[in-house]
Amino acid sequence: MKQADIDTCFEILAGIMPEPGTELNYQNPYTLLVAVALSAQATDVSVNKATAPLFREVSTPAGMLDLGMDALIGYIRTIGLFNSKAKNVMAAAEILVRDHGGEVPRNREALEALPGVGRKTA
């Protein structure tokens, strides 16, 4: 595909949907990161059902660490692969606090370095 065709395609898409979004509910970049990580092999509906009470309790990486693994599992138990997803969420929270001042990095390379974050999530 030629660059001109690609540009035209993006112009058409921008006209159809000028502000693309997600069906996932989130409050900030961190809760979006968590929601997308939890959405792998799960429906957005099931993720939203689990994260609604979770995000009322936790909205930062430090808050997630304070919450702890067992409590996190309690919130996300209804989502498939919850044990491995919980481990990744906790490990990512630790890295975000330790290496990024509790902020979600804005570049793909740093995002993909987080546990449970692949290209789609980044």
N, C-alpha and C. Protein backbone atom coordinates (compact mmCIF):
# COMPACT_ATOMS: atom_id res chain seq x y z
N MET A 1 0.85 -1.17 0.00
CA MET A 1 0.00 0.00 0.00
C MET A 1 0.90 1.24 0.00
N LYS A 2 0.55 2.18 -0.82
CA LYS A 2 1.33 3.41 -0.94
C LYS A 2 1.01 4.35 0.23
N GLN A 3 1.96 5.21 0.56
CA GLN A 3 1.78 6.14 1.67
C GLN A 3 0.55 7.03 1.46
N ALA A 4 0.31 7.44 0.22
CA ALA A 4 -0.86 8.28 -0.06
C ALA A 4 -2.15 7.54 0.25
N ASP A 5 -2.20 6.24 -0.05
CA ASP A 5 -3.38 5.43 0.26
C ASP A 5 -3.56 5.29 1.77
N ILE A 6 -2.46 5.11 2.47
CA ILE A 6 -2.51 5.00 3.93
C ILE A 6 -3.03 6.31 4.53
N ASP A 7 -2.51 7.43 4.04
CA ASP A 7 -2.95 8.73 4.53
C ASP A 7 -4.44 8.94 4.28
N THR A 8 -4.91 8.55 3.10
CA THR A 8 -6.33 8.68 2.77
C THR A 8 -7.17 7.83 3.70
N CYS A 9 -6.72 6.62 3.96
CA CYS A 9 -7.44 5.72 4.87
C CYS A 9 -7.58 6.35 6.26
N PHE A 10 -6.49 6.89 6.77
CA PHE A 10 -6.53 7.52 8.10
C PHE A 10 -7.42 8.76 8.10
N GLU A 11 -7.43 9.52 7.02
CA GLU A 11 -8.31 10.68 6.93
C GLU A 11 -9.77 10.26 6.97
N ILE A 12 -10.10 9.19 6.27
CA ILE A 12 -11.48 8.68 6.27
C ILE A 12 -11.86 8.22 7.66
N LEU A 13 -10.98 7.45 8.29
CA LEU A 13 -11.26 6.98 9.65
C LEU A 13 -11.42 8.13 10.63
N ALA A 14 -10.59 9.15 10.51
CA ALA A 14 -10.68 10.31 11.39
C ALA A 14 -12.00 11.04 11.20
N GLY A 15 -12.51 11.05 9.97
CA GLY A 15 -13.79 11.68 9.71
C GLY A 15 -14.95 10.89 10.30
N ILE A 16 -14.84 9.57 10.25
CA ILE A 16 -15.89 8.71 10.78
C ILE A 16 -15.88 8.71 12.30
N MET A 17 -14.69 8.65 12.88
CA MET A 17 -14.57 8.57 14.33
C MET A 17 -13.44 9.51 14.78
N PRO A 18 -13.75 10.79 14.93
CA PRO A 18 -12.70 11.76 15.25
C PRO A 18 -12.06 11.56 16.62
N GLU A 19 -12.77 10.99 17.55
CA GLU A 19 -12.22 10.75 18.88
C GLU A 19 -12.42 9.28 19.25
N PRO A 20 -11.57 8.40 18.72
CA PRO A 20 -11.74 6.98 19.02
C PRO A 20 -11.56 6.71 20.51
N GLY A 21 -12.30 5.76 21.01
CA GLY A 21 -12.24 5.43 22.43
C GLY A 21 -12.22 3.94 22.63
N THR A 22 -12.50 3.55 23.82
CA THR A 22 -12.55 2.15 24.19
C THR A 22 -13.82 1.89 24.97
N GLU A 23 -14.28 0.67 24.97
CA GLU A 23 -15.44 0.28 25.76
C GLU A 23 -15.06 0.06 27.22
N LEU A 24 -13.77 -0.01 27.49
CA LEU A 24 -13.31 -0.22 28.87
C LEU A 24 -13.48 1.06 29.68
N ASN A 25 -13.92 0.91 30.91
CA ASN A 25 -14.06 2.04 31.81
C ASN A 25 -12.75 2.26 32.54
N TYR A 26 -12.33 3.51 32.63
CA TYR A 26 -11.08 3.84 33.33
C TYR A 26 -11.13 5.29 33.80
N GLN A 27 -10.21 5.63 34.71
CA GLN A 27 -10.18 6.97 35.29
C GLN A 27 -8.96 7.77 34.86
N ASN A 28 -7.87 7.09 34.57
CA ASN A 28 -6.60 7.75 34.28
C ASN A 28 -5.72 6.77 33.51
N PRO A 29 -4.53 7.20 33.08
CA PRO A 29 -3.68 6.27 32.31
C PRO A 29 -3.36 4.97 33.04
N TYR A 30 -3.22 5.01 34.36
CA TYR A 30 -2.91 3.77 35.08
C TYR A 30 -4.10 2.82 35.07
N THR A 31 -5.29 3.30 35.34
CA THR A 31 -6.44 2.39 35.34
C THR A 31 -6.74 1.89 33.93
N LEU A 32 -6.44 2.69 32.91
CA LEU A 32 -6.58 2.20 31.53
C LEU A 32 -5.59 1.07 31.28
N LEU A 33 -4.36 1.25 31.72
CA LEU A 33 -3.34 0.21 31.56
C LEU A 33 -3.79 -1.09 32.22
N VAL A 34 -4.29 -1.00 33.44
CA VAL A 34 -4.76 -2.19 34.16
C VAL A 34 -5.94 -2.82 33.42
N ALA A 35 -6.90 -2.01 33.02
CA ALA A 35 -8.09 -2.54 32.34
C ALA A 35 -7.71 -3.26 31.04
N VAL A 36 -6.82 -2.67 30.26
CA VAL A 36 -6.42 -3.30 29.00
C VAL A 36 -5.65 -4.59 29.27
N ALA A 37 -4.77 -4.58 30.28
CA ALA A 37 -4.03 -5.80 30.62
C ALA A 37 -4.98 -6.91 31.06
N LEU A 38 -6.02 -6.55 31.79
CA LEU A 38 -6.99 -7.55 32.24
C LEU A 38 -7.89 -8.03 31.11
N SER A 39 -7.99 -7.27 30.03
CA SER A 39 -8.94 -7.59 28.97
C SER A 39 -8.48 -8.70 28.03
N ALA A 40 -7.23 -9.12 28.13
CA ALA A 40 -6.75 -10.20 27.27
C ALA A 40 -7.58 -11.45 27.51
N GLN A 41 -8.13 -11.99 26.45
CA GLN A 41 -8.96 -13.20 26.50
C GLN A 41 -10.15 -13.04 27.45
N ALA A 42 -10.69 -11.82 27.52
CA ALA A 42 -11.88 -11.55 28.34
C ALA A 42 -12.71 -10.51 27.60
N THR A 43 -13.97 -10.42 27.92
CA THR A 43 -14.81 -9.40 27.30
C THR A 43 -14.67 -8.09 28.06
N ASP A 44 -14.88 -6.99 27.35
CA ASP A 44 -14.85 -5.69 28.00
C ASP A 44 -15.91 -5.60 29.09
N VAL A 45 -17.06 -6.23 28.86
CA VAL A 45 -18.13 -6.22 29.85
C VAL A 45 -17.66 -6.87 31.15
N SER A 46 -17.01 -8.03 31.05
CA SER A 46 -16.55 -8.72 32.27
C SER A 46 -15.45 -7.93 32.96
N VAL A 47 -14.58 -7.29 32.18
CA VAL A 47 -13.52 -6.48 32.77
C VAL A 47 -14.13 -5.28 33.49
N ASN A 48 -15.08 -4.60 32.86
CA ASN A 48 -15.71 -3.44 33.49
C ASN A 48 -16.43 -3.82 34.78
N LYS A 49 -17.05 -5.00 34.78
CA LYS A 49 -17.75 -5.45 35.98
C LYS A 49 -16.77 -5.66 37.13
N ALA A 50 -15.60 -6.19 36.82
CA ALA A 50 -14.60 -6.45 37.86
C ALA A 50 -13.87 -5.17 38.28
N THR A 51 -13.60 -4.30 37.32
CA THR A 51 -12.79 -3.12 37.64
C THR A 51 -13.59 -1.98 38.27
N ALA A 52 -14.90 -1.96 38.12
CA ALA A 52 -15.69 -0.87 38.72
C ALA A 52 -15.43 -0.78 40.22
N PRO A 53 -15.60 -1.85 40.98
CA PRO A 53 -15.30 -1.74 42.41
C PRO A 53 -13.80 -1.61 42.69
N LEU A 54 -12.98 -2.25 41.87
CA LEU A 54 -11.53 -2.15 42.06
C LEU A 54 -11.06 -0.71 41.92
N PHE A 55 -11.52 -0.03 40.87
CA PHE A 55 -11.06 1.33 40.62
C PHE A 55 -11.67 2.35 41.59
N ARG A 56 -12.73 1.99 42.28
CA ARG A 56 -13.22 2.86 43.37
C ARG A 56 -12.24 2.82 44.54
N GLU A 57 -11.54 1.71 44.67
CA GLU A 57 -10.58 1.50 45.76
C GLU A 57 -9.16 1.92 45.37
N VAL A 58 -8.78 1.68 44.13
CA VAL A 58 -7.39 1.86 43.69
C VAL A 58 -7.36 2.60 42.36
N SER A 59 -6.53 3.64 42.27
CA SER A 59 -6.38 4.33 40.99
C SER A 59 -4.93 4.68 40.67
N THR A 60 -4.00 4.18 41.48
CA THR A 60 -2.57 4.45 41.26
C THR A 60 -1.76 3.18 41.47
N PRO A 61 -0.56 3.13 40.93
CA PRO A 61 0.30 1.96 41.18
C PRO A 61 0.61 1.77 42.67
N ALA A 62 0.85 2.86 43.38
CA ALA A 62 1.12 2.75 44.82
C ALA A 62 -0.10 2.20 45.55
N GLY A 63 -1.28 2.64 45.15
CA GLY A 63 -2.50 2.12 45.75
C GLY A 63 -2.67 0.64 45.49
N MET A 64 -2.27 0.19 44.30
CA MET A 64 -2.35 -1.23 43.97
C MET A 64 -1.42 -2.03 44.87
N LEU A 65 -0.22 -1.52 45.08
CA LEU A 65 0.73 -2.21 45.97
C LEU A 65 0.19 -2.27 47.38
N ASP A 66 -0.43 -1.18 47.84
CA ASP A 66 -1.03 -1.17 49.18
C ASP A 66 -2.19 -2.16 49.27
N LEU A 67 -2.95 -2.29 48.19
CA LEU A 67 -4.08 -3.23 48.17
C LEU A 67 -3.60 -4.66 48.37
N GLY A 68 -2.56 -5.03 47.65
CA GLY A 68 -1.99 -6.37 47.78
C GLY A 68 -2.59 -7.39 46.82
N MET A 69 -1.83 -8.45 46.63
CA MET A 69 -2.18 -9.49 45.66
C MET A 69 -3.50 -10.18 46.01
N ASP A 70 -3.68 -10.60 47.25
CA ASP A 70 -4.88 -11.35 47.61
C ASP A 70 -6.15 -10.53 47.39
N ALA A 71 -6.11 -9.26 47.77
CA ALA A 71 -7.29 -8.41 47.58
C ALA A 71 -7.54 -8.17 46.09
N LEU A 72 -6.47 -7.98 45.32
CA LEU A 72 -6.63 -7.80 43.87
C LEU A 72 -7.30 -9.02 43.26
N ILE A 73 -6.85 -10.19 43.64
CA ILE A 73 -7.45 -11.43 43.12
C ILE A 73 -8.94 -11.48 43.46
N GLY A 74 -9.29 -11.02 44.64
CA GLY A 74 -10.70 -10.98 45.03
C GLY A 74 -11.54 -10.14 44.07
N TYR A 75 -10.98 -9.07 43.59
CA TYR A 75 -11.70 -8.20 42.65
C TYR A 75 -11.78 -8.79 41.25
N ILE A 76 -10.73 -9.48 40.81
CA ILE A 76 -10.67 -9.89 39.40
C ILE A 76 -10.88 -11.39 39.19
N ARG A 77 -11.30 -12.10 40.22
CA ARG A 77 -11.47 -13.55 40.15
C ARG A 77 -12.39 -13.99 39.01
N THR A 78 -13.32 -13.15 38.62
CA THR A 78 -14.28 -13.52 37.56
C THR A 78 -13.69 -13.41 36.15
N ILE A 79 -12.49 -12.85 36.04
CA ILE A 79 -11.84 -12.69 34.74
C ILE A 79 -10.92 -13.88 34.50
N GLY A 80 -10.95 -14.42 33.30
CA GLY A 80 -10.08 -15.54 32.97
C GLY A 80 -8.61 -15.23 33.20
N LEU A 81 -7.86 -16.25 33.58
CA LEU A 81 -6.41 -16.14 33.83
C LEU A 81 -6.09 -15.13 34.92
N PHE A 82 -6.99 -15.01 35.91
CA PHE A 82 -6.84 -13.97 36.92
C PHE A 82 -5.57 -14.08 37.74
N ASN A 83 -5.08 -15.29 37.99
CA ASN A 83 -3.85 -15.42 38.79
C ASN A 83 -2.65 -14.81 38.08
N SER A 84 -2.46 -15.15 36.82
CA SER A 84 -1.31 -14.60 36.09
C SER A 84 -1.49 -13.10 35.83
N LYS A 85 -2.71 -12.68 35.57
CA LYS A 85 -2.96 -11.26 35.37
C LYS A 85 -2.70 -10.47 36.65
N ALA A 86 -3.09 -11.02 37.79
CA ALA A 86 -2.83 -10.34 39.07
C ALA A 86 -1.34 -10.21 39.32
N LYS A 87 -0.59 -11.26 39.04
CA LYS A 87 0.88 -11.18 39.21
C LYS A 87 1.47 -10.10 38.32
N ASN A 88 1.01 -10.02 37.08
CA ASN A 88 1.52 -9.00 36.17
C ASN A 88 1.14 -7.60 36.62
N VAL A 89 -0.10 -7.42 37.06
CA VAL A 89 -0.54 -6.09 37.52
C VAL A 89 0.29 -5.64 38.71
N MET A 90 0.53 -6.55 39.65
CA MET A 90 1.32 -6.19 40.83
C MET A 90 2.77 -5.91 40.46
N ALA A 91 3.35 -6.73 39.59
CA ALA A 91 4.75 -6.51 39.17
C ALA A 91 4.88 -5.20 38.40
N ALA A 92 3.91 -4.90 37.54
CA ALA A 92 3.94 -3.64 36.80
C ALA A 92 3.81 -2.46 37.75
N ALA A 93 2.94 -2.57 38.74
CA ALA A 93 2.78 -1.48 39.72
C ALA A 93 4.09 -1.22 40.44
N GLU A 94 4.78 -2.29 40.81
CA GLU A 94 6.07 -2.14 41.50
C GLU A 94 7.08 -1.40 40.61
N ILE A 95 7.15 -1.78 39.35
CA ILE A 95 8.08 -1.13 38.42
C ILE A 95 7.69 0.32 38.19
N LEU A 96 6.40 0.59 38.06
CA LEU A 96 5.96 1.97 37.84
C LEU A 96 6.34 2.86 39.02
N VAL A 97 6.16 2.34 40.23
CA VAL A 97 6.52 3.12 41.42
C VAL A 97 8.03 3.29 41.51
N ARG A 98 8.75 2.20 41.33
CA ARG A 98 10.21 2.21 41.50
C ARG A 98 10.94 2.99 40.40
N ASP A 99 10.54 2.77 39.15
CA ASP A 99 11.32 3.30 38.03
C ASP A 99 10.70 4.50 37.32
N HIS A 100 9.42 4.75 37.56
CA HIS A 100 8.74 5.81 36.80
C HIS A 100 8.00 6.80 37.69
N GLY A 101 8.31 6.82 38.97
CA GLY A 101 7.67 7.78 39.86
C GLY A 101 6.17 7.61 39.98
N GLY A 102 5.69 6.38 39.75
CA GLY A 102 4.26 6.12 39.85
C GLY A 102 3.46 6.54 38.63
N GLU A 103 4.14 6.97 37.59
CA GLU A 103 3.46 7.42 36.36
C GLU A 103 3.58 6.36 35.27
N VAL A 104 2.57 6.30 34.42
CA VAL A 104 2.61 5.40 33.28
C VAL A 104 3.47 6.05 32.19
N PRO A 105 4.50 5.36 31.71
CA PRO A 105 5.34 5.94 30.66
C PRO A 105 4.54 6.21 29.39
N ARG A 106 4.99 7.17 28.61
CA ARG A 106 4.27 7.57 27.41
C ARG A 106 4.86 6.96 26.13
N ASN A 107 5.92 6.15 26.26
CA ASN A 107 6.49 5.57 25.04
C ASN A 107 6.32 4.05 25.04
N ARG A 108 6.18 3.52 23.84
CA ARG A 108 5.87 2.10 23.67
C ARG A 108 6.94 1.19 24.25
N GLU A 109 8.20 1.53 24.06
CA GLU A 109 9.28 0.67 24.56
C GLU A 109 9.20 0.51 26.07
N ALA A 110 9.00 1.59 26.79
CA ALA A 110 8.89 1.51 28.25
C ALA A 110 7.63 0.77 28.67
N LEU A 111 6.54 0.97 27.95
CA LEU A 111 5.30 0.25 28.27
C LEU A 111 5.47 -1.25 28.06
N GLU A 112 6.07 -1.63 26.94
CA GLU A 112 6.24 -3.05 26.64
C GLU A 112 7.21 -3.73 27.58
N ALA A 113 8.01 -2.97 28.30
CA ALA A 113 8.92 -3.55 29.29
C ALA A 113 8.18 -3.94 30.57
N LEU A 114 6.94 -3.50 30.72
CA LEU A 114 6.16 -3.84 31.91
C LEU A 114 5.59 -5.25 31.78
N PRO A 115 5.55 -6.00 32.88
CA PRO A 115 4.97 -7.35 32.84
C PRO A 115 3.51 -7.31 32.39
N GLY A 116 3.17 -8.19 31.47
CA GLY A 116 1.79 -8.30 31.01
C GLY A 116 1.39 -7.27 29.97
N VAL A 117 2.34 -6.42 29.56
CA VAL A 117 2.04 -5.39 28.57
C VAL A 117 2.74 -5.75 27.26
N GLY A 118 1.93 -6.06 26.27
CA GLY A 118 2.47 -6.35 24.95
C GLY A 118 2.20 -5.19 24.01
N ARG A 119 2.41 -5.43 22.76
CA ARG A 119 2.26 -4.37 21.76
C ARG A 119 0.84 -3.81 21.73
N LYS A 120 -0.17 -4.68 21.82
CA LYS A 120 -1.56 -4.22 21.77
C LYS A 120 -1.86 -3.30 22.95
N THR A 121 -1.43 -3.70 24.13
CA THR A 121 -1.69 -2.90 25.32
C THR A 121 -0.94 -1.58 25.26
N ALA A 122 0.31 -1.63 24.81
CA ALA A 122 1.12 -0.41 24.74
C ALA A 122 0.53 0.55 23.73
